[in-house]
Amino acid sequence: MSSDATSVIPAQDAAARRLEIFTLDEAHDLLRLLQVIAGEGLDELSQEADWFVREIAARIPSEH
């Protein structure tokens, strides 16, 4: 796919496609990292990390 074609794909759709290539272990590692960032405060980065935590958690099975 050319860079021109990817520039018309909404960022969320592209991110969802890339998430599909993570292994389950990688997804859980990323989720833990984002949870730490989200828990550090209420700045813009923490809020964005919290959004990603919710999105990823909804798409992957629980570790336990």
C-alpha atoms as a PDB file:
ATOM      1  CA  MET A   1       0.000   0.000   0.000  1.00  0.00           C
ATOM      2  CA  SER A   2       1.444   3.380  -0.915  1.00  0.00           C
ATOM      3  CA  SER A   3       1.824   6.223   1.560  1.00  0.00           C
ATOM      4  CA  ASP A   4      -0.869   8.094  -0.404  1.00  0.00           C
ATOM      5  CA  ALA A   5      -3.321   5.280   0.211  1.00  0.00           C
ATOM      6  CA  THR A   6      -2.535   5.076   3.914  1.00  0.00           C
ATOM      7  CA  SER A   7      -2.970   8.821   4.362  1.00  0.00           C
ATOM      8  CA  VAL A   8      -6.703   8.508   3.638  1.00  0.00           C
ATOM      9  CA  ILE A   9      -7.246   5.729   6.187  1.00  0.00           C
ATOM     10  CA  PRO A  10      -8.421   7.123   9.541  1.00  0.00           C
ATOM     11  CA  ALA A  11      -5.766   6.720  12.236  1.00  0.00           C
ATOM     12  CA  GLN A  12      -8.005   4.535  14.385  1.00  0.00           C
ATOM     13  CA  ASP A  13      -8.562   2.036  11.561  1.00  0.00           C
ATOM     14  CA  ALA A  14      -4.838   1.880  10.827  1.00  0.00           C
ATOM     15  CA  ALA A  15      -4.030   1.399  14.523  1.00  0.00           C
ATOM     16  CA  ALA A  16      -6.556  -1.431  14.765  1.00  0.00           C
ATOM     17  CA  ARG A  17      -4.964  -3.202  11.805  1.00  0.00           C
ATOM     18  CA  ARG A  18      -1.477  -2.855  13.297  1.00  0.00           C
ATOM     19  CA  LEU A  19      -2.706  -4.165  16.666  1.00  0.00           C
ATOM     20  CA  GLU A  20      -3.733  -7.382  14.933  1.00  0.00           C
ATOM     21  CA  ILE A  21      -0.091  -8.232  14.305  1.00  0.00           C
ATOM     22  CA  PHE A  22       0.880  -8.154  17.994  1.00  0.00           C
ATOM     23  CA  THR A  23       1.190 -11.425  19.798  1.00  0.00           C
ATOM     24  CA  LEU A  24      -1.088 -11.780  22.804  1.00  0.00           C
ATOM     25  CA  ASP A  25       1.916 -11.463  25.128  1.00  0.00           C
ATOM     26  CA  GLU A  26       3.000  -8.256  23.377  1.00  0.00           C
ATOM     27  CA  ALA A  27      -0.491  -6.824  23.667  1.00  0.00           C
ATOM     28  CA  HIS A  28      -0.553  -7.561  27.409  1.00  0.00           C
ATOM     29  CA  ASP A  29       2.909  -6.001  27.833  1.00  0.00           C
ATOM     30  CA  LEU A  30       1.744  -2.876  26.027  1.00  0.00           C
ATOM     31  CA  LEU A  31      -1.421  -2.793  28.109  1.00  0.00           C
ATOM     32  CA  ARG A  32       0.608  -2.904  31.346  1.00  0.00           C
ATOM     33  CA  LEU A  33       2.886  -0.101  30.143  1.00  0.00           C
ATOM     34  CA  LEU A  34      -0.063   2.067  29.185  1.00  0.00           C
ATOM     35  CA  GLN A  35      -1.720   1.402  32.556  1.00  0.00           C
ATOM     36  CA  VAL A  36       1.379   2.775  34.302  1.00  0.00           C
ATOM     37  CA  ILE A  37       1.357   5.895  32.115  1.00  0.00           C
ATOM     38  CA  ALA A  38      -2.396   6.360  32.589  1.00  0.00           C
ATOM     39  CA  GLY A  39      -2.025   6.078  36.355  1.00  0.00           C
ATOM     40  CA  GLU A  40       0.586   8.827  36.611  1.00  0.00           C
ATOM     41  CA  GLY A  41      -1.768  11.781  36.386  1.00  0.00           C
ATOM     42  CA  LEU A  42      -4.380  13.661  34.494  1.00  0.00           C
ATOM     43  CA  ASP A  43      -2.243  15.319  31.825  1.00  0.00           C
ATOM     44  CA  GLU A  44      -2.948  14.807  28.138  1.00  0.00           C
ATOM     45  CA  LEU A  45      -0.551  11.852  27.852  1.00  0.00           C
ATOM     46  CA  SER A  46      -2.190  10.052  30.775  1.00  0.00           C
ATOM     47  CA  GLN A  47      -5.641  10.610  29.323  1.00  0.00           C
ATOM     48  CA  GLU A  48      -4.553   9.281  25.952  1.00  0.00           C
ATOM     49  CA  ALA A  49      -2.919   6.248  27.568  1.00  0.00           C
ATOM     50  CA  ASP A  50      -6.148   5.610  29.482  1.00  0.00           C
ATOM     51  CA  TRP A  51      -8.093   5.652  26.211  1.00  0.00           C
ATOM     52  CA  PHE A  52      -5.680   3.112  24.706  1.00  0.00           C
ATOM     53  CA  VAL A  53      -5.936   0.939  27.840  1.00  0.00           C
ATOM     54  CA  ARG A  54      -9.697   0.723  27.407  1.00  0.00           C
ATOM     55  CA  GLU A  55      -9.472   0.052  23.661  1.00  0.00           C
ATOM     56  CA  ILE A  56      -6.815  -2.654  23.931  1.00  0.00           C
ATOM     57  CA  ALA A  57      -8.434  -4.309  26.963  1.00  0.00           C
ATOM     58  CA  ALA A  58     -11.694  -4.575  25.024  1.00  0.00           C
ATOM     59  CA  ARG A  59      -9.961  -6.335  22.120  1.00  0.00           C
ATOM     60  CA  ILE A  60      -7.765  -8.909  23.821  1.00  0.00           C
ATOM     61  CA  PRO A  61      -8.596 -11.789  26.156  1.00  0.00           C
ATOM     62  CA  SER A  62      -7.713 -11.455  29.809  1.00  0.00           C
ATOM     63  CA  GLU A  63      -4.352 -12.818  30.964  1.00  0.00           C
ATOM     64  CA  HIS A  64      -5.984 -14.824  33.733  1.00  0.00           C
END
